[in-house]
Amino acid sequence: MKGFALLVGAIAGAALLYVTTAVGSQQASPSRAEFNALKKQVATLKRDDLAIQAVLNGCFTSAVPAASFDGYEYRAADGSTVIATALDIAQTGETPSVYLLDVGQACASVINTAKLNVHFKVIRPAATRR
């Protein structure tokens, strides 16, 4: 009987300790102003997400394989000729080292004006290529 009373006492003590230290107590819910602010932030994030998805789906449809090649010649501002390494479109049979996104001028303009904090430049290939 003493053993049973001791067991019940230990269980009651453990239950009391658990109840007093439980972290699952109720917390205050957000105020109406906080809730409305969060609602506004979620709406803005959804709108931005849709805009980004439209740009990604409409503009980033292809990539151009490119590789680094030696032997490009260009004329410096002082008139001297310099031989350099440059990126060029990888031809069939060549191993590309990078892929360049082909977005086109219209998509580059949209991306630059869409406040996405990402800026692309339209790069035109040189008149002379290897």
Protein backbone atom coordinates (compact mmCIF):
# COMPACT_ATOMS: atom_id res chain seq x y z
CA MET A 1 0.00 0.00 0.00
CA LYS A 2 2.84 2.40 0.81
CA GLY A 3 4.37 1.60 -2.59
CA PHE A 4 1.08 2.39 -4.35
CA ALA A 5 0.71 5.71 -2.48
CA LEU A 6 4.31 6.58 -3.35
CA LEU A 7 3.64 5.78 -7.04
CA VAL A 8 0.48 7.94 -7.08
CA GLY A 9 2.37 10.76 -5.36
CA ALA A 10 5.20 10.57 -7.92
CA ILE A 11 2.74 10.60 -10.83
CA ALA A 12 0.86 13.56 -9.33
CA GLY A 13 4.15 15.43 -8.82
CA ALA A 14 5.22 14.74 -12.40
CA ALA A 15 1.84 15.90 -13.72
CA LEU A 16 2.03 19.08 -11.65
CA LEU A 17 5.56 19.76 -12.90
CA TYR A 18 4.47 19.16 -16.53
CA VAL A 19 1.45 21.48 -16.24
CA THR A 20 3.44 24.34 -14.69
CA THR A 21 6.27 24.19 -17.24
CA ALA A 22 4.25 23.52 -20.43
CA VAL A 23 4.93 26.05 -23.19
CA GLY A 24 1.60 25.47 -24.91
CA SER A 25 -0.15 28.24 -23.05
CA GLN A 26 -2.38 30.57 -25.02
CA GLN A 27 -0.78 33.52 -26.74
CA ALA A 28 -2.40 36.76 -27.79
CA SER A 29 -3.64 36.78 -31.37
CA PRO A 30 -2.59 39.59 -33.75
CA SER A 31 -4.50 42.83 -33.61
CA ARG A 32 -6.71 43.87 -36.53
CA ALA A 33 -4.04 46.33 -37.74
CA GLU A 34 -1.34 43.64 -37.63
CA PHE A 35 -3.61 41.20 -39.44
CA ASN A 36 -4.42 43.74 -42.17
CA ALA A 37 -0.73 44.58 -42.59
CA LEU A 38 0.10 40.89 -43.01
CA LYS A 39 -2.79 40.49 -45.44
CA LYS A 40 -1.42 43.38 -47.52
CA GLN A 41 2.08 41.88 -47.53
CA VAL A 42 0.75 38.51 -48.69
CA ALA A 43 -1.22 40.17 -51.52
CA THR A 44 1.90 42.06 -52.64
CA LEU A 45 4.01 38.88 -52.57
CA LYS A 46 1.39 37.01 -54.61
CA ARG A 47 1.28 39.79 -57.21
CA ASP A 48 5.10 39.89 -57.44
CA ASP A 49 5.22 36.10 -57.71
CA LEU A 50 2.77 36.12 -60.63
CA ALA A 51 4.80 38.82 -62.40
CA ILE A 52 8.05 36.91 -61.93
CA GLN A 53 6.46 33.68 -63.17
CA ALA A 54 5.13 35.46 -66.27
CA VAL A 55 8.60 36.83 -67.05
CA LEU A 56 10.28 33.46 -66.46
CA ASN A 57 7.76 31.59 -68.60
CA GLY A 58 7.67 34.17 -71.39
CA CYS A 59 11.30 35.24 -71.62
CA PHE A 60 13.55 32.47 -70.43
CA THR A 61 12.65 29.91 -73.07
CA SER A 62 16.03 29.17 -74.59
CA ALA A 63 19.74 29.29 -73.95
CA VAL A 64 22.63 29.58 -76.36
CA PRO A 65 25.69 27.36 -75.83
CA ALA A 66 28.93 29.34 -75.61
CA ALA A 67 32.58 28.53 -75.10
CA SER A 68 35.78 30.44 -74.45
CA PHE A 69 38.15 30.72 -77.41
CA ASP A 70 41.63 32.19 -77.87
CA GLY A 71 42.84 34.35 -80.72
CA TYR A 72 40.37 37.19 -80.88
CA GLU A 73 41.90 40.41 -82.11
CA TYR A 74 40.67 43.85 -81.19
CA ARG A 75 41.98 47.37 -81.48
CA ALA A 76 42.57 49.25 -78.24
CA ALA A 77 41.82 52.96 -77.78
CA ASP A 78 45.48 53.86 -78.42
CA GLY A 79 45.38 52.07 -81.80
CA SER A 80 47.37 48.99 -80.76
CA THR A 81 46.14 45.50 -81.62
CA VAL A 82 45.51 43.08 -78.76
CA ILE A 83 44.98 39.31 -78.95
CA ALA A 84 42.51 38.12 -76.29
CA THR A 85 40.26 35.30 -75.15
CA ALA A 86 36.51 35.75 -75.58
CA LEU A 87 33.19 33.94 -75.44
CA ASP A 88 31.62 32.86 -78.70
CA ILE A 89 28.73 30.66 -79.74
CA ALA A 90 29.76 27.01 -79.53
CA GLN A 91 29.45 25.29 -82.89
CA THR A 92 28.31 21.70 -83.40
CA GLY A 93 30.92 19.34 -81.95
CA GLU A 94 32.39 21.94 -79.56
CA THR A 95 31.84 21.55 -75.85
CA PRO A 96 30.03 24.58 -74.38
CA SER A 97 31.44 25.95 -71.14
CA VAL A 98 28.42 28.17 -70.38
CA TYR A 99 24.89 28.79 -71.62
CA LEU A 100 23.75 32.35 -72.27
CA LEU A 101 20.07 33.16 -71.77
CA ASP A 102 18.43 34.28 -74.99
CA VAL A 103 15.81 36.76 -73.77
CA GLY A 104 15.59 39.20 -76.67
CA GLN A 105 15.33 42.97 -76.49
CA ALA A 106 11.62 43.12 -75.61
CA CYS A 107 12.00 40.83 -72.60
CA ALA A 108 15.16 42.61 -71.43
CA SER A 109 13.23 45.90 -71.44
CA VAL A 110 10.33 44.35 -69.50
CA ILE A 111 12.67 42.83 -66.93
CA ASN A 112 14.57 46.11 -66.47
CA THR A 113 11.38 48.13 -65.88
CA ALA A 114 9.55 45.57 -63.72
CA LYS A 115 11.28 46.57 -60.44
CA LEU A 116 12.64 43.03 -60.04
CA ASN A 117 16.05 44.34 -58.97
CA VAL A 118 17.61 42.37 -61.83
CA HIS A 119 19.05 44.09 -64.88
CA PHE A 120 19.91 42.52 -68.22
CA LYS A 121 21.65 44.18 -71.12
CA VAL A 122 21.04 43.55 -74.80
CA ILE A 123 24.34 42.43 -76.28
CA ARG A 124 24.74 42.35 -80.01
CA PRO A 125 27.36 40.04 -81.56
CA ALA A 126 30.39 41.70 -83.09
CA ALA A 127 30.43 42.27 -86.84
CA THR A 128 33.44 39.99 -87.23
CA ARG A 129 33.59 36.59 -85.70
CA ARG A 130 36.23 33.92 -85.86
